[in-house]
Each structure stands twice: as C-alpha cells, then as structure tokens.
Amino acid sequence: MENDRHRILIIEDEKKIARVLELELTYEGYETGKAIDGSEGLHMFHEQAWDLVLLDIMLPTLSGIEVLRRIRASNSVTPVILLTAKDSVEDKVSGLDLGANDYITKPFQIEELLARIRVALRNTRQEIPKQQAIDKKWIQIGDLKLNESTHEVMRKEDNIELTPREFDLLAYLMKHHRQVLTRDQLLTAVWGYDYFGDTNIVDVYIRYLRNKIDKPYDRQLLHTVRGVGYVLKDTK
C-alpha cells in the first residue's frame, strides 16, 4: 500500500456514512479514528496525531466550518477534505477560504474520495519541507516570536501587526537580545546614516513597540537602561 499507514480522522454525524468510511479506509490500509460531532472531533484532532481529516460540514455542537477554523488557527499543514450534502457555492468557498484542501459532495463514489485523499496526502508530503524551512526562521525570546521570512510577530497566541520600521527594530533587538543597545546603534542599524543624530525617533518607535508587544501582557520584555539605551530580554 502507498499510504504508509496514514492516520485519518473521520468527523461525521451520520453513523452509516461514518461506518462505511471507516470500513473502506481500513480496507485500504489506513488507520482511522471517528467522531460524531464537532466538539468531539476537535478534541480528537488536538489529542492525537493525524495525517488527514475528513470533515462533514453539517455537525452538531460545532459546525464543520467552525471546526475547520479552529484547526487552522493552530495547524496549517494537516490536509482537510470537507464532506457536504449541500452542493452550494457558499459552503465550498467558505471552506476553501478557511484552508480546506478539497471538498466532495454527498453522495459520492468511494473511489473518487480515495483518489482525493491520495492527492491531498501527496501534496502535503511536498509542502512539509517548505513549512519546516519557514519554521526554522522563527526567532523566539520568552513568549515573543518573530519570523523574518513571513514577517509574522506573535506573543503567546496573539498575532501582532507591526509597521515595516517597527518590525525591523524589533528584529534587530531580538537578534541582539540581552545586549544593551545605544540609541545611536539602533539608529544606524535600523534607519541608516541618513538619520544620524536624530535619536528621538528611536524613543518614539520604542514606545510604539512597547504598546504592541509589552503593554497588553503581564511580563515586560523591552527594558530601558537609563543613560545607555534599550535591551530586549526575558527576565522570567
């Protein structure tokens, strides 16, 4: 079998359909798990490792669209194929916009679903090395993370929006964490020689950064060293 014992999570509230999927996938050599509502399916997704999710849109407790949204909030790699009884453009567009890899409309032929599963798993194998390369570019200090490739900044689970200049300043501080940097050093590194002597701009942007990366949180990372400059460090 080409599937290498891939693990597939079935989230489907119609028990007969779920059972047929379970039997067919097991026959094809896949390992399966099964949930009959959205909350249970989301719990199983987070508790175990899965290679692919078959997700019904119409589910009790949490809709399939909401389950998909929550999956994609923490996981951008695991492929999700939507199962829907509705042949509606809205469902398909919503699902694809939220990160579904594919969809199939009930009733469907099992051979078609198996083919779509194989394609999704094959595409994921090609995408994972790219994702790992991006992940390696994260810089992390305490619970603050910055990715120079994607220009993402996160503190805890929050995405933080920064202007390009704020991003460059934070990146420089993070690359030199625990090192006290003078205003002139920051000015030269981030703004360049055209701004030489105008150190007030550094103070202004430090304040902007503090309001975004420190002020909403319980632990300060960006510190002032009086008479010298600034340092980014985790004092935990």
Protein backbone atom coordinates (compact mmCIF):
# COMPACT_ATOMS: atom_id res chain seq x y z
CA MET A 1 0.00 0.00 0.00
CA GLU A 2 1.22 3.53 -0.77
CA ASN A 3 -0.41 5.10 2.31
CA ASP A 4 2.33 4.02 4.80
CA ARG A 5 -0.34 3.54 7.48
CA HIS A 6 -1.52 7.12 7.36
CA ARG A 7 -3.98 8.06 10.11
CA ILE A 8 -7.29 9.61 9.03
CA LEU A 9 -9.78 11.26 11.38
CA ILE A 10 -13.43 10.98 10.28
CA ILE A 11 -15.73 13.66 11.73
CA GLU A 12 -19.21 12.70 10.53
CA ASP A 13 -22.51 12.60 12.44
CA GLU A 14 -24.34 10.26 10.04
CA LYS A 15 -23.40 6.95 11.61
CA LYS A 16 -23.95 4.83 8.50
CA ILE A 17 -21.71 7.07 6.38
CA ALA A 18 -19.07 7.19 9.12
CA ARG A 19 -19.09 3.39 9.39
CA VAL A 20 -18.78 2.91 5.62
CA LEU A 21 -15.86 5.34 5.52
CA GLU A 22 -14.21 3.59 8.44
CA LEU A 23 -14.54 0.14 6.79
CA GLU A 24 -13.38 1.32 3.35
CA LEU A 25 -10.39 3.23 4.69
CA THR A 26 -9.36 0.36 6.94
CA TYR A 27 -9.60 -2.00 3.94
CA GLU A 28 -7.28 0.36 2.03
CA GLY A 29 -4.73 0.14 4.83
CA TYR A 30 -5.37 3.43 6.62
CA GLU A 31 -5.70 3.76 10.37
CA THR A 32 -8.86 5.63 11.35
CA GLY A 33 -10.50 7.48 14.21
CA LYS A 34 -14.13 8.54 14.31
CA ALA A 35 -16.10 11.38 15.93
CA ILE A 36 -19.83 12.06 15.59
CA ASP A 37 -19.94 15.75 16.48
CA GLY A 38 -17.80 18.85 16.08
CA SER A 39 -16.64 19.18 19.69
CA GLU A 40 -15.55 15.56 19.92
CA GLY A 41 -13.82 15.77 16.55
CA LEU A 42 -11.88 18.89 17.53
CA HIS A 43 -10.85 17.26 20.81
CA MET A 44 -9.62 14.13 19.00
CA PHE A 45 -7.72 16.24 16.47
CA HIS A 46 -5.78 18.02 19.21
CA GLU A 47 -5.23 14.91 21.35
CA GLN A 48 -3.67 12.69 18.66
CA ALA A 49 -1.58 12.97 15.50
CA TRP A 50 -3.50 12.73 12.21
CA ASP A 51 -2.34 12.78 8.61
CA LEU A 52 -5.70 13.87 7.17
CA VAL A 53 -9.20 14.88 8.32
CA LEU A 54 -12.50 14.04 6.61
CA LEU A 55 -14.85 16.72 7.93
CA ASP A 56 -18.62 16.93 7.45
CA ILE A 57 -19.91 20.49 7.25
CA MET A 58 -23.27 19.86 8.96
CA LEU A 59 -22.35 18.74 12.50
CA PRO A 60 -23.94 19.07 15.95
CA THR A 61 -22.26 21.09 18.77
CA LEU A 62 -19.78 22.77 16.38
CA SER A 63 -20.28 23.16 12.64
CA GLY A 64 -17.68 21.73 10.30
CA ILE A 65 -16.75 25.26 9.21
CA GLU A 66 -16.08 26.25 12.84
CA VAL A 67 -14.07 23.06 13.45
CA LEU A 68 -12.01 23.88 10.35
CA ARG A 69 -11.44 27.45 11.53
CA ARG A 70 -10.16 26.22 14.90
CA ILE A 71 -7.96 23.57 13.31
CA ARG A 72 -6.34 26.13 11.03
CA ALA A 73 -5.77 28.53 13.95
CA SER A 74 -3.13 26.12 15.28
CA ASN A 75 -2.28 23.84 12.34
CA SER A 76 -1.68 24.91 8.75
CA VAL A 77 -0.32 21.61 7.42
CA THR A 78 -2.73 18.70 8.07
CA PRO A 79 -4.98 18.33 5.00
CA VAL A 80 -8.75 18.63 5.48
CA ILE A 81 -11.31 17.35 2.98
CA LEU A 82 -14.85 18.64 3.50
CA LEU A 83 -17.84 16.33 3.12
CA THR A 84 -21.06 18.17 2.37
CA ALA A 85 -24.61 17.23 1.46
CA LYS A 86 -25.08 20.75 0.13
CA ASP A 87 -23.95 21.46 -3.39
CA SER A 88 -23.74 25.16 -2.52
CA VAL A 89 -21.10 27.57 -3.71
CA GLU A 90 -21.15 29.35 -0.31
CA ASP A 91 -20.12 26.23 1.63
CA LYS A 92 -17.32 25.43 -0.78
CA VAL A 93 -15.97 28.98 -0.87
CA SER A 94 -16.14 29.35 2.94
CA GLY A 95 -14.32 26.07 3.44
CA LEU A 96 -11.61 26.77 0.89
CA ASP A 97 -11.11 30.31 2.21
CA LEU A 98 -10.60 28.90 5.71
CA GLY A 99 -7.94 26.48 4.49
CA ALA A 100 -9.72 23.29 3.41
CA ASN A 101 -7.64 21.36 0.88
CA ASP A 102 -10.58 19.90 -1.02
CA TYR A 103 -14.29 19.10 -0.82
CA ILE A 104 -16.58 16.33 -2.05
CA THR A 105 -20.36 16.47 -2.27
CA LYS A 106 -22.57 13.67 -0.96
CA PRO A 107 -23.49 11.22 -2.29
CA PHE A 108 -20.02 10.38 -3.60
CA GLN A 109 -18.26 7.36 -5.00
CA ILE A 110 -15.71 5.93 -2.57
CA GLU A 111 -13.18 5.58 -5.40
CA GLU A 112 -13.31 9.33 -6.01
CA LEU A 113 -12.86 10.09 -2.31
CA LEU A 114 -9.90 7.70 -2.09
CA ALA A 115 -8.30 9.43 -5.08
CA ARG A 116 -8.74 12.86 -3.45
CA ILE A 117 -7.23 11.52 -0.21
CA ARG A 118 -4.18 10.24 -2.08
CA VAL A 119 -3.70 13.60 -3.81
CA ALA A 120 -4.03 15.55 -0.53
CA LEU A 121 -1.52 13.32 1.25
CA ARG A 122 0.93 13.51 -1.67
CA ASN A 123 0.70 17.32 -1.78
CA THR A 124 1.25 17.52 1.98
CA ARG A 125 4.45 15.48 1.74
CA GLN A 126 5.74 18.08 -0.73
CA GLU A 127 4.64 21.04 1.43
CA ILE A 128 6.03 19.90 4.79
CA PRO A 129 9.72 20.55 3.94
CA LYS A 130 8.76 24.10 2.85
CA GLN A 131 6.85 24.64 6.08
CA GLN A 132 9.75 23.28 8.15
CA ALA A 133 12.12 25.69 6.38
CA ILE A 134 9.85 28.59 7.33
CA ASP A 135 9.50 27.35 10.90
CA LYS A 136 13.29 27.33 11.31
CA LYS A 137 13.38 31.07 10.65
CA TRP A 138 11.49 31.93 13.85
CA ILE A 139 13.39 33.91 16.48
CA GLN A 140 11.94 33.48 19.96
CA ILE A 141 12.53 35.36 23.22
CA GLY A 142 10.25 34.18 26.02
CA ASP A 143 6.74 34.02 24.56
CA LEU A 144 7.55 36.53 21.79
CA LYS A 145 8.25 35.12 18.29
CA LEU A 146 9.29 36.77 15.05
CA ASN A 147 9.64 35.21 11.60
CA GLU A 148 11.79 37.12 9.13
CA SER A 149 10.57 35.07 6.15
CA THR A 150 6.86 35.68 6.67
CA HIS A 151 7.10 38.97 8.64
CA GLU A 152 4.91 37.46 11.37
CA VAL A 153 5.16 38.50 15.00
CA MET A 154 3.39 36.63 17.78
CA ARG A 155 3.21 36.94 21.54
CA LYS A 156 1.62 33.97 23.26
CA GLU A 157 -1.08 33.03 20.73
CA ASP A 158 -1.70 36.60 19.50
CA ASN A 159 -0.68 37.88 16.08
CA ILE A 160 0.83 41.36 16.40
CA GLU A 161 0.63 43.78 13.50
CA LEU A 162 3.75 45.93 13.07
CA THR A 163 4.75 48.53 10.51
CA PRO A 164 7.86 47.68 8.44
CA ARG A 165 10.03 50.01 10.57
CA GLU A 166 8.67 48.59 13.84
CA PHE A 167 9.35 45.09 12.52
CA ASP A 168 12.96 45.94 11.59
CA LEU A 169 13.56 47.50 15.01
CA LEU A 170 12.12 44.50 16.85
CA ALA A 171 14.08 42.06 14.68
CA TYR A 172 17.34 43.85 15.49
CA LEU A 173 16.57 43.90 19.22
CA MET A 174 15.69 40.20 19.18
CA LYS A 175 18.84 39.24 17.28
CA HIS A 176 20.85 41.08 19.96
CA HIS A 177 18.74 40.02 22.94
CA ARG A 178 20.26 40.61 26.38
CA GLN A 179 22.63 43.14 24.76
CA VAL A 180 22.14 46.78 25.77
CA LEU A 181 21.96 48.81 22.56
CA THR A 182 22.51 52.56 22.42
CA ARG A 183 20.20 54.86 20.53
CA ASP A 184 22.97 55.55 18.00
CA GLN A 185 23.45 51.80 17.41
CA LEU A 186 19.74 51.32 16.80
CA LEU A 187 19.54 54.41 14.61
CA THR A 188 22.40 53.27 12.40
CA ALA A 189 21.20 49.65 12.14
CA VAL A 190 17.51 50.32 11.52
CA TRP A 191 17.28 53.80 9.97
CA GLY A 192 20.72 54.19 8.41
CA TYR A 193 23.15 57.08 8.35
CA ASP A 194 20.63 59.49 6.82
CA TYR A 195 19.05 59.82 10.26
CA PHE A 196 22.33 60.23 12.18
CA GLY A 197 21.90 62.43 15.24
CA ASP A 198 18.09 62.22 15.34
CA THR A 199 17.91 59.75 18.23
CA ASN A 200 14.45 60.96 19.29
CA ILE A 201 12.96 58.83 16.54
CA VAL A 202 14.33 55.74 18.30
CA ASP A 203 12.48 56.66 21.51
CA VAL A 204 9.27 57.19 19.55
CA TYR A 205 9.45 53.77 17.91
CA ILE A 206 10.43 52.04 21.14
CA ARG A 207 7.23 53.47 22.61
CA TYR A 208 5.23 52.17 19.63
CA LEU A 209 6.73 48.70 20.13
CA ARG A 210 6.06 48.69 23.86
CA ASN A 211 2.41 49.49 23.27
CA LYS A 212 2.11 46.47 20.99
CA ILE A 213 4.41 43.78 22.38
CA ASP A 214 4.54 44.61 26.12
CA LYS A 215 1.65 46.73 27.32
CA PRO A 216 -1.14 44.14 26.78
CA TYR A 217 0.85 41.40 28.58
CA ASP A 218 1.83 40.60 32.13
CA ARG A 219 5.60 40.45 31.63
CA GLN A 220 7.83 43.17 30.20
CA LEU A 221 10.42 42.19 27.61
CA LEU A 222 11.62 45.58 26.34
CA HIS A 223 13.61 47.43 29.01
CA THR A 224 15.19 50.89 29.26
CA VAL A 225 18.72 51.14 30.64
CA ARG A 226 18.91 54.71 31.85
CA GLY A 227 21.70 56.76 30.30
CA VAL A 228 22.59 53.98 27.86
CA GLY A 229 19.75 52.67 25.69
CA TYR A 230 17.45 49.67 25.38
CA VAL A 231 17.59 45.90 25.79
CA LEU A 232 15.16 43.14 24.95
CA LYS A 233 15.33 40.25 27.40
CA ASP A 234 13.11 37.80 29.24
CA THR A 235 13.55 38.25 32.99
CA LYS A 236 11.46 35.18 33.86
